[in-house]
């Protein structure tokens, strides 16, 4: 049914929308509250009615056990207004009401999806359309093949047994092509030590007796615990002149950093 909004009805809506409820306006115009609300939205009208004692009493009485939407329609108020008034009055929904409402919502949600579920024995509509090996257009010929390297990967590939120098200065050797990538390379001095002594125990490392990372001879390698390594590398084991130089350099770096911060 088409709603005819005459100039008189629109004028009445504009004059009274801010002070009367949607239900009261609807009764005057012979319409529904929703029709009044929708027209007011199109006209960009805003409610500016102050909260009355009647509004507060209605919210106090109904809010704990009544859907907020129904209270809004009854008072012609927005949800935000009803929520704010209820909050200021210290009101909250009754726990039993919330439990029942949640059950009803879950039931409605379950019922709404029944028509879209697969039934026992039902054949999927796309059965047979996506078989292994199926390809659209040139997909098959342009796909990457498992175990086949292409493009830049061919240029960057290093065969097993290749060696490189790490950023820390250790000589490393490629031992496999497996994943993860960082597991493909192993320090050569560790390989040499393990070939002679077995797997390095947990919490230990293989170090160099003379401190030279390029001297990978077995007689120059030794097994150290993390604690021993820390003690060996501490500044207190260094000569007095070296320790003094380190302290001077550290102080210089701190001053340089403070100066840089001031400049920023």
C-alpha atoms as a PDB file:
ATOM      1  CA  UNK A   1       0.000   0.000   0.000  1.00  0.00           C
ATOM      2  CA  UNK A   2       1.393   3.354  -1.080  1.00  0.00           C
ATOM      3  CA  UNK A   3       1.554   5.983   1.646  1.00  0.00           C
ATOM      4  CA  UNK A   4       0.446   9.459   0.557  1.00  0.00           C
ATOM      5  CA  UNK A   5       2.249  12.175   2.481  1.00  0.00           C
ATOM      6  CA  UNK A   6       0.296  15.371   1.947  1.00  0.00           C
ATOM      7  CA  UNK A   7       1.747  18.785   2.649  1.00  0.00           C
ATOM      8  CA  UNK A   8      -0.435  18.984   5.773  1.00  0.00           C
ATOM      9  CA  UNK A   9       0.908  15.669   7.123  1.00  0.00           C
ATOM     10  CA  UNK A  10       4.516  16.630   6.411  1.00  0.00           C
ATOM     11  CA  UNK A  11       4.036  20.010   8.089  1.00  0.00           C
ATOM     12  CA  UNK A  12       2.486  18.337  11.147  1.00  0.00           C
ATOM     13  CA  UNK A  13       5.422  15.890  11.266  1.00  0.00           C
ATOM     14  CA  UNK A  14       7.993  18.698  11.094  1.00  0.00           C
ATOM     15  CA  UNK A  15       6.279  20.718  13.816  1.00  0.00           C
ATOM     16  CA  UNK A  16       5.763  17.865  16.266  1.00  0.00           C
ATOM     17  CA  UNK A  17       8.484  15.301  15.606  1.00  0.00           C
ATOM     18  CA  UNK A  18      10.871  16.828  18.125  1.00  0.00           C
ATOM     19  CA  UNK A  19       8.351  16.855  20.974  1.00  0.00           C
ATOM     20  CA  UNK A  20       5.932  13.950  20.370  1.00  0.00           C
ATOM     21  CA  UNK A  21       6.572  10.223  20.211  1.00  0.00           C
ATOM     22  CA  UNK A  22       6.365   8.387  16.908  1.00  0.00           C
ATOM     23  CA  UNK A  23       3.316   6.515  18.190  1.00  0.00           C
ATOM     24  CA  UNK A  24       1.516   9.745  19.119  1.00  0.00           C
ATOM     25  CA  UNK A  25       2.246  11.258  15.698  1.00  0.00           C
ATOM     26  CA  UNK A  26       1.203   8.039  13.966  1.00  0.00           C
ATOM     27  CA  UNK A  27      -2.153   8.064  15.783  1.00  0.00           C
ATOM     28  CA  UNK A  28      -2.781  11.647  14.702  1.00  0.00           C
ATOM     29  CA  UNK A  29      -1.924  10.908  11.053  1.00  0.00           C
ATOM     30  CA  UNK A  30      -3.461   7.440  10.807  1.00  0.00           C
ATOM     31  CA  UNK A  31      -0.091   5.791  10.125  1.00  0.00           C
ATOM     32  CA  UNK A  32       2.247   3.364  11.860  1.00  0.00           C
ATOM     33  CA  UNK A  33       5.163   4.378  14.047  1.00  0.00           C
ATOM     34  CA  UNK A  34       7.617   2.898  11.523  1.00  0.00           C
ATOM     35  CA  UNK A  35       6.109   4.945   8.689  1.00  0.00           C
ATOM     36  CA  UNK A  36       6.525   8.090  10.766  1.00  0.00           C
ATOM     37  CA  UNK A  37      10.094   7.141  11.665  1.00  0.00           C
ATOM     38  CA  UNK A  38      11.055   6.430   8.025  1.00  0.00           C
ATOM     39  CA  UNK A  39       9.578   9.679   6.750  1.00  0.00           C
ATOM     40  CA  UNK A  40      11.323  11.655   9.510  1.00  0.00           C
ATOM     41  CA  UNK A  41      14.613  10.019   8.513  1.00  0.00           C
ATOM     42  CA  UNK A  42      14.113  11.062   4.890  1.00  0.00           C
ATOM     43  CA  UNK A  43      13.272  14.578   6.031  1.00  0.00           C
ATOM     44  CA  UNK A  44      16.389  14.523   8.268  1.00  0.00           C
ATOM     45  CA  UNK A  45      14.362  15.383  11.370  1.00  0.00           C
ATOM     46  CA  UNK A  46      15.923  14.900  14.801  1.00  0.00           C
ATOM     47  CA  UNK A  47      14.274  14.183  18.130  1.00  0.00           C
ATOM     48  CA  UNK A  48      15.031  16.881  20.674  1.00  0.00           C
ATOM     49  CA  UNK A  49      12.550  15.945  23.356  1.00  0.00           C
ATOM     50  CA  UNK A  50      13.815  16.109  26.929  1.00  0.00           C
ATOM     51  CA  UNK A  51      13.570  12.931  28.951  1.00  0.00           C
ATOM     52  CA  UNK A  52      10.356  13.041  30.998  1.00  0.00           C
ATOM     53  CA  UNK A  53       9.433  11.357  34.262  1.00  0.00           C
ATOM     54  CA  UNK A  54       7.074   9.168  32.226  1.00  0.00           C
ATOM     55  CA  UNK A  55      10.011   8.045  30.053  1.00  0.00           C
ATOM     56  CA  UNK A  56      12.137   7.219  33.090  1.00  0.00           C
ATOM     57  CA  UNK A  57       9.340   5.333  34.822  1.00  0.00           C
ATOM     58  CA  UNK A  58       8.591   3.311  31.672  1.00  0.00           C
ATOM     59  CA  UNK A  59      12.247   2.433  31.191  1.00  0.00           C
ATOM     60  CA  UNK A  60      12.653   1.559  34.890  1.00  0.00           C
ATOM     61  CA  UNK A  61       9.631  -0.759  34.720  1.00  0.00           C
ATOM     62  CA  UNK A  62      10.253  -2.439  31.375  1.00  0.00           C
ATOM     63  CA  UNK A  63      14.017  -2.379  30.699  1.00  0.00           C
ATOM     64  CA  UNK A  64      15.082  -5.463  32.752  1.00  0.00           C
ATOM     65  CA  UNK A  65      12.672  -7.905  31.038  1.00  0.00           C
ATOM     66  CA  UNK A  66      11.611  -6.257  27.768  1.00  0.00           C
ATOM     67  CA  UNK A  67      13.430  -6.081  24.419  1.00  0.00           C
ATOM     68  CA  UNK A  68      14.940  -2.630  24.053  1.00  0.00           C
ATOM     69  CA  UNK A  69      13.475  -2.320  20.557  1.00  0.00           C
ATOM     70  CA  UNK A  70       9.934  -2.543  21.967  1.00  0.00           C
ATOM     71  CA  UNK A  71      10.685   0.171  24.548  1.00  0.00           C
ATOM     72  CA  UNK A  72      12.052   2.406  21.779  1.00  0.00           C
ATOM     73  CA  UNK A  73       8.881   1.970  19.708  1.00  0.00           C
ATOM     74  CA  UNK A  74       6.684   2.584  22.739  1.00  0.00           C
ATOM     75  CA  UNK A  75       8.432   5.823  23.699  1.00  0.00           C
ATOM     76  CA  UNK A  76       9.472   6.948  20.239  1.00  0.00           C
ATOM     77  CA  UNK A  77      13.089   7.055  21.363  1.00  0.00           C
ATOM     78  CA  UNK A  78      16.309   5.787  19.831  1.00  0.00           C
ATOM     79  CA  UNK A  79      18.161   2.809  21.261  1.00  0.00           C
ATOM     80  CA  UNK A  80      21.024   5.092  22.279  1.00  0.00           C
ATOM     81  CA  UNK A  81      18.632   7.230  24.331  1.00  0.00           C
ATOM     82  CA  UNK A  82      17.061   4.236  26.077  1.00  0.00           C
ATOM     83  CA  UNK A  83      20.483   2.695  26.765  1.00  0.00           C
ATOM     84  CA  UNK A  84      21.817   5.963  28.203  1.00  0.00           C
ATOM     85  CA  UNK A  85      18.817   6.511  30.472  1.00  0.00           C
ATOM     86  CA  UNK A  86      18.981   2.902  31.704  1.00  0.00           C
ATOM     87  CA  UNK A  87      22.702   3.237  32.361  1.00  0.00           C
ATOM     88  CA  UNK A  88      22.265   6.499  34.288  1.00  0.00           C
ATOM     89  CA  UNK A  89      19.548   4.850  36.389  1.00  0.00           C
ATOM     90  CA  UNK A  90      21.786   1.851  37.109  1.00  0.00           C
ATOM     91  CA  UNK A  91      19.484  -0.565  35.280  1.00  0.00           C
ATOM     92  CA  UNK A  92      20.540  -3.781  33.562  1.00  0.00           C
ATOM     93  CA  UNK A  93      18.852  -6.694  31.864  1.00  0.00           C
ATOM     94  CA  UNK A  94      17.592  -9.484  34.116  1.00  0.00           C
ATOM     95  CA  UNK A  95      19.964 -12.527  33.959  1.00  0.00           C
ATOM     96  CA  UNK A  96      17.063 -14.934  33.352  1.00  0.00           C
ATOM     97  CA  UNK A  97      15.738 -12.701  30.563  1.00  0.00           C
ATOM     98  CA  UNK A  98      19.195 -12.666  28.940  1.00  0.00           C
ATOM     99  CA  UNK A  99      19.480 -16.455  29.210  1.00  0.00           C
ATOM    100  CA  UNK A 100      16.115 -17.029  27.557  1.00  0.00           C
ATOM    101  CA  UNK A 101      16.815 -14.388  24.900  1.00  0.00           C
ATOM    102  CA  UNK A 102      20.123 -16.049  24.066  1.00  0.00           C
ATOM    103  CA  UNK A 103      18.435 -19.442  23.764  1.00  0.00           C
ATOM    104  CA  UNK A 104      15.806 -17.973  21.466  1.00  0.00           C
ATOM    105  CA  UNK A 105      18.460 -16.297  19.333  1.00  0.00           C
ATOM    106  CA  UNK A 106      20.429 -19.542  19.029  1.00  0.00           C
ATOM    107  CA  UNK A 107      17.264 -21.436  18.105  1.00  0.00           C
ATOM    108  CA  UNK A 108      16.366 -18.854  15.454  1.00  0.00           C
ATOM    109  CA  UNK A 109      19.892 -18.973  14.036  1.00  0.00           C
ATOM    110  CA  UNK A 110      19.817 -22.767  13.852  1.00  0.00           C
ATOM    111  CA  UNK A 111      16.405 -22.790  12.171  1.00  0.00           C
ATOM    112  CA  UNK A 112      17.440 -20.171   9.625  1.00  0.00           C
ATOM    113  CA  UNK A 113      20.293 -22.364   8.350  1.00  0.00           C
ATOM    114  CA  UNK A 114      18.386 -25.626   8.027  1.00  0.00           C
ATOM    115  CA  UNK A 115      17.332 -25.004   4.463  1.00  0.00           C
ATOM    116  CA  UNK A 116      20.951 -24.578   3.362  1.00  0.00           C
ATOM    117  CA  UNK A 117      22.433 -27.682   4.988  1.00  0.00           C
ATOM    118  CA  UNK A 118      23.486 -30.800   3.129  1.00  0.00           C
ATOM    119  CA  UNK A 119      21.070 -33.656   3.648  1.00  0.00           C
ATOM    120  CA  UNK A 120      22.271 -37.217   4.176  1.00  0.00           C
ATOM    121  CA  UNK A 121      22.992 -38.795   0.809  1.00  0.00           C
ATOM    122  CA  UNK A 122      22.769 -35.479  -1.061  1.00  0.00           C
ATOM    123  CA  UNK A 123      25.227 -35.092  -3.947  1.00  0.00           C
ATOM    124  CA  UNK A 124      27.172 -31.809  -3.917  1.00  0.00           C
ATOM    125  CA  UNK A 125      26.281 -29.702  -6.984  1.00  0.00           C
ATOM    126  CA  UNK A 126      29.968 -29.265  -7.882  1.00  0.00           C
ATOM    127  CA  UNK A 127      30.841 -32.946  -7.622  1.00  0.00           C
ATOM    128  CA  UNK A 128      33.187 -33.919 -10.446  1.00  0.00           C
ATOM    129  CA  UNK A 129      33.817 -30.348 -11.564  1.00  0.00           C
ATOM    130  CA  UNK A 130      37.132 -29.934  -9.720  1.00  0.00           C
ATOM    131  CA  UNK A 131      39.135 -33.109 -10.110  1.00  0.00           C
ATOM    132  CA  UNK A 132      42.874 -33.500  -9.449  1.00  0.00           C
ATOM    133  CA  UNK A 133      44.674 -32.300 -12.536  1.00  0.00           C
ATOM    134  CA  UNK A 134      41.844 -29.989 -13.594  1.00  0.00           C
ATOM    135  CA  UNK A 135      43.101 -26.658 -14.894  1.00  0.00           C
ATOM    136  CA  UNK A 136      41.459 -23.596 -16.404  1.00  0.00           C
ATOM    137  CA  UNK A 137      43.076 -22.006 -19.465  1.00  0.00           C
ATOM    138  CA  UNK A 138      46.895 -22.052 -19.361  1.00  0.00           C
ATOM    139  CA  UNK A 139      47.010 -22.705 -15.603  1.00  0.00           C
ATOM    140  CA  UNK A 140      48.572 -26.141 -15.972  1.00  0.00           C
ATOM    141  CA  UNK A 141      51.464 -25.075 -18.176  1.00  0.00           C
ATOM    142  CA  UNK A 142      52.249 -21.963 -16.091  1.00  0.00           C
ATOM    143  CA  UNK A 143      52.049 -23.580 -12.636  1.00  0.00           C
ATOM    144  CA  UNK A 144      55.172 -24.204 -10.572  1.00  0.00           C
ATOM    145  CA  UNK A 145      56.004 -27.892 -10.532  1.00  0.00           C
ATOM    146  CA  UNK A 146      56.961 -29.469  -7.219  1.00  0.00           C
ATOM    147  CA  UNK A 147      60.734 -29.758  -6.954  1.00  0.00           C
ATOM    148  CA  UNK A 148      61.323 -27.718 -10.136  1.00  0.00           C
ATOM    149  CA  UNK A 149      63.112 -24.359  -9.804  1.00  0.00           C
ATOM    150  CA  UNK A 150      62.401 -21.532 -12.206  1.00  0.00           C
ATOM    151  CA  UNK A 151      63.464 -17.949 -12.775  1.00  0.00           C
ATOM    152  CA  UNK A 152      65.702 -16.315 -10.160  1.00  0.00           C
ATOM    153  CA  UNK A 153      65.587 -19.474  -8.007  1.00  0.00           C
ATOM    154  CA  UNK A 154      67.717 -21.234 -10.648  1.00  0.00           C
ATOM    155  CA  UNK A 155      70.374 -18.490 -10.521  1.00  0.00           C
ATOM    156  CA  UNK A 156      70.464 -18.360  -6.701  1.00  0.00           C
ATOM    157  CA  UNK A 157      70.489 -22.101  -6.111  1.00  0.00           C
ATOM    158  CA  UNK A 158      73.580 -23.539  -4.442  1.00  0.00           C
ATOM    159  CA  UNK A 159      74.179 -27.327  -4.636  1.00  0.00           C
ATOM    160  CA  UNK A 160      74.708 -29.424  -1.509  1.00  0.00           C
ATOM    161  CA  UNK A 161      78.331 -29.176  -0.430  1.00  0.00           C
ATOM    162  CA  UNK A 162      78.672 -25.504  -1.366  1.00  0.00           C
ATOM    163  CA  UNK A 163      80.371 -23.261   1.211  1.00  0.00           C
ATOM    164  CA  UNK A 164      79.883 -19.623   2.162  1.00  0.00           C
ATOM    165  CA  UNK A 165      81.030 -17.126   4.780  1.00  0.00           C
ATOM    166  CA  UNK A 166      78.328 -16.020   7.246  1.00  0.00           C
ATOM    167  CA  UNK A 167      77.872 -12.445   8.467  1.00  0.00           C
ATOM    168  CA  UNK A 168      79.528 -13.466  11.742  1.00  0.00           C
ATOM    169  CA  UNK A 169      82.613 -14.680   9.866  1.00  0.00           C
ATOM    170  CA  UNK A 170      81.986 -18.448  10.179  1.00  0.00           C
ATOM    171  CA  UNK A 171      82.537 -20.786   7.233  1.00  0.00           C
ATOM    172  CA  UNK A 172      79.268 -22.632   6.482  1.00  0.00           C
ATOM    173  CA  UNK A 173      78.504 -25.642   4.289  1.00  0.00           C
ATOM    174  CA  UNK A 174      75.191 -26.573   2.666  1.00  0.00           C
ATOM    175  CA  UNK A 175      74.091 -29.978   3.952  1.00  0.00           C
ATOM    176  CA  UNK A 176      70.582 -30.421   2.442  1.00  0.00           C
ATOM    177  CA  UNK A 177      67.791 -28.817   0.387  1.00  0.00           C
ATOM    178  CA  UNK A 178      65.089 -29.248   3.023  1.00  0.00           C
ATOM    179  CA  UNK A 179      62.998 -26.642   4.815  1.00  0.00           C
ATOM    180  CA  UNK A 180      63.369 -24.434   6.772  1.00  0.00           C
ATOM    181  CA  UNK A 181      65.935 -22.531   4.726  1.00  0.00           C
ATOM    182  CA  UNK A 182      68.152 -21.744   7.721  1.00  0.00           C
ATOM    183  CA  UNK A 183      68.517 -25.476   8.353  1.00  0.00           C
ATOM    184  CA  UNK A 184      70.234 -26.052   5.023  1.00  0.00           C
ATOM    185  CA  UNK A 185      73.549 -24.554   6.126  1.00  0.00           C
ATOM    186  CA  UNK A 186      75.794 -25.700   8.973  1.00  0.00           C
ATOM    187  CA  UNK A 187      79.001 -24.289  10.413  1.00  0.00           C
ATOM    188  CA  UNK A 188      81.986 -26.210   9.036  1.00  0.00           C
ATOM    189  CA  UNK A 189      83.930 -26.190  12.323  1.00  0.00           C
ATOM    190  CA  UNK A 190      80.936 -27.832  14.030  1.00  0.00           C
ATOM    191  CA  UNK A 191      80.774 -30.465  11.276  1.00  0.00           C
ATOM    192  CA  UNK A 192      84.480 -31.218  11.771  1.00  0.00           C
ATOM    193  CA  UNK A 193      84.102 -31.531  15.550  1.00  0.00           C
ATOM    194  CA  UNK A 194      80.966 -33.722  15.326  1.00  0.00           C
ATOM    195  CA  UNK A 195      82.568 -36.078  12.798  1.00  0.00           C
ATOM    196  CA  UNK A 196      85.262 -36.776  15.399  1.00  0.00           C
ATOM    197  CA  UNK A 197      83.266 -36.576  18.653  1.00  0.00           C
ATOM    198  CA  UNK A 198      79.551 -36.964  17.929  1.00  0.00           C
ATOM    199  CA  UNK A 199      76.645 -34.551  18.342  1.00  0.00           C
ATOM    200  CA  UNK A 200      77.287 -31.330  20.274  1.00  0.00           C
ATOM    201  CA  UNK A 201      75.490 -31.609  23.675  1.00  0.00           C
ATOM    202  CA  UNK A 202      72.613 -29.244  24.403  1.00  0.00           C
ATOM    203  CA  UNK A 203      73.762 -25.983  25.980  1.00  0.00           C
ATOM    204  CA  UNK A 204      77.257 -26.225  24.459  1.00  0.00           C
ATOM    205  CA  UNK A 205      79.061 -24.774  21.449  1.00  0.00           C
ATOM    206  CA  UNK A 206      82.243 -25.544  19.520  1.00  0.00           C
ATOM    207  CA  UNK A 207      84.816 -22.776  19.920  1.00  0.00           C
ATOM    208  CA  UNK A 208      88.292 -21.939  18.637  1.00  0.00           C
ATOM    209  CA  UNK A 209      91.207 -22.261  21.046  1.00  0.00           C
ATOM    210  CA  UNK A 210      93.190 -19.491  19.357  1.00  0.00           C
ATOM    211  CA  UNK A 211      90.105 -17.324  18.620  1.00  0.00           C
ATOM    212  CA  UNK A 212      90.682 -17.550  14.857  1.00  0.00           C
ATOM    213  CA  UNK A 213      87.413 -18.520  13.123  1.00  0.00           C
ATOM    214  CA  UNK A 214      89.274 -19.476   9.943  1.00  0.00           C
ATOM    215  CA  UNK A 215      91.464 -22.061  11.743  1.00  0.00           C
ATOM    216  CA  UNK A 216      89.115 -25.047  11.493  1.00  0.00           C
ATOM    217  CA  UNK A 217      91.707 -27.722  12.290  1.00  0.00           C
ATOM    218  CA  UNK A 218      90.321 -30.321  14.734  1.00  0.00           C
ATOM    219  CA  UNK A 219      93.132 -29.684  17.233  1.00  0.00           C
ATOM    220  CA  UNK A 220      92.097 -25.997  17.373  1.00  0.00           C
ATOM    221  CA  UNK A 221      88.461 -26.795  18.275  1.00  0.00           C
ATOM    222  CA  UNK A 222      87.073 -27.249  21.774  1.00  0.00           C
ATOM    223  CA  UNK A 223      83.693 -27.881  23.376  1.00  0.00           C
ATOM    224  CA  UNK A 224      82.476 -25.051  25.627  1.00  0.00           C
ATOM    225  CA  UNK A 225      79.363 -24.579  27.740  1.00  0.00           C
ATOM    226  CA  UNK A 226      77.430 -21.342  27.334  1.00  0.00           C
ATOM    227  CA  UNK A 227      78.566 -20.325  30.816  1.00  0.00           C
ATOM    228  CA  UNK A 228      82.234 -20.910  29.953  1.00  0.00           C
ATOM    229  CA  UNK A 229      81.819 -18.973  26.729  1.00  0.00           C
ATOM    230  CA  UNK A 230      80.319 -16.002  28.591  1.00  0.00           C
ATOM    231  CA  UNK A 231      83.154 -16.025  31.097  1.00  0.00           C
ATOM    232  CA  UNK A 232      85.746 -16.168  28.325  1.00  0.00           C
ATOM    233  CA  UNK A 233      84.189 -13.247  26.454  1.00  0.00           C
ATOM    234  CA  UNK A 234      83.680 -11.000  29.488  1.00  0.00           C
ATOM    235  CA  UNK A 235      85.603  -7.752  29.617  1.00  0.00           C
ATOM    236  CA  UNK A 236      87.185  -8.641  32.965  1.00  0.00           C
ATOM    237  CA  UNK A 237      89.410 -11.255  31.321  1.00  0.00           C
ATOM    238  CA  UNK A 238      91.000  -8.687  29.021  1.00  0.00           C
ATOM    239  CA  UNK A 239      94.292  -6.823  29.720  1.00  0.00           C
ATOM    240  CA  UNK A 240      94.044  -3.546  31.642  1.00  0.00           C
ATOM    241  CA  UNK A 241      94.891  -1.365  28.655  1.00  0.00           C
ATOM    242  CA  UNK A 242      92.269  -3.088  26.466  1.00  0.00           C
ATOM    243  CA  UNK A 243      89.591  -2.751  29.158  1.00  0.00           C
ATOM    244  CA  UNK A 244      90.416   0.922  29.542  1.00  0.00           C
ATOM    245  CA  UNK A 245      90.115   1.506  25.795  1.00  0.00           C
ATOM    246  CA  UNK A 246      86.719  -0.253  25.754  1.00  0.00           C
ATOM    247  CA  UNK A 247      85.435   1.971  28.573  1.00  0.00           C
ATOM    248  CA  UNK A 248      86.645   5.114  26.777  1.00  0.00           C
ATOM    249  CA  UNK A 249      84.962   4.057  23.525  1.00  0.00           C
ATOM    250  CA  UNK A 250      81.711   3.251  25.364  1.00  0.00           C
ATOM    251  CA  UNK A 251      81.725   6.689  27.001  1.00  0.00           C
ATOM    252  CA  UNK A 252      82.393   8.338  23.656  1.00  0.00           C
ATOM    253  CA  UNK A 253      79.459   6.478  22.057  1.00  0.00           C
ATOM    254  CA  UNK A 254      77.104   7.555  24.857  1.00  0.00           C
ATOM    255  CA  UNK A 255      78.057  11.206  24.429  1.00  0.00           C
ATOM    256  CA  UNK A 256      77.704  10.903  20.650  1.00  0.00           C
ATOM    257  CA  UNK A 257      74.205   9.399  21.037  1.00  0.00           C
ATOM    258  CA  UNK A 258      73.117  12.178  23.431  1.00  0.00           C
ATOM    259  CA  UNK A 259      74.381  14.796  20.993  1.00  0.00           C
ATOM    260  CA  UNK A 260      72.529  13.153  18.106  1.00  0.00           C
ATOM    261  CA  UNK A 261      69.273  13.153  20.106  1.00  0.00           C
ATOM    262  CA  UNK A 262      69.622  16.871  20.854  1.00  0.00           C
ATOM    263  CA  UNK A 263      70.163  17.585  17.172  1.00  0.00           C
ATOM    264  CA  UNK A 264      66.944  15.693  16.317  1.00  0.00           C
END
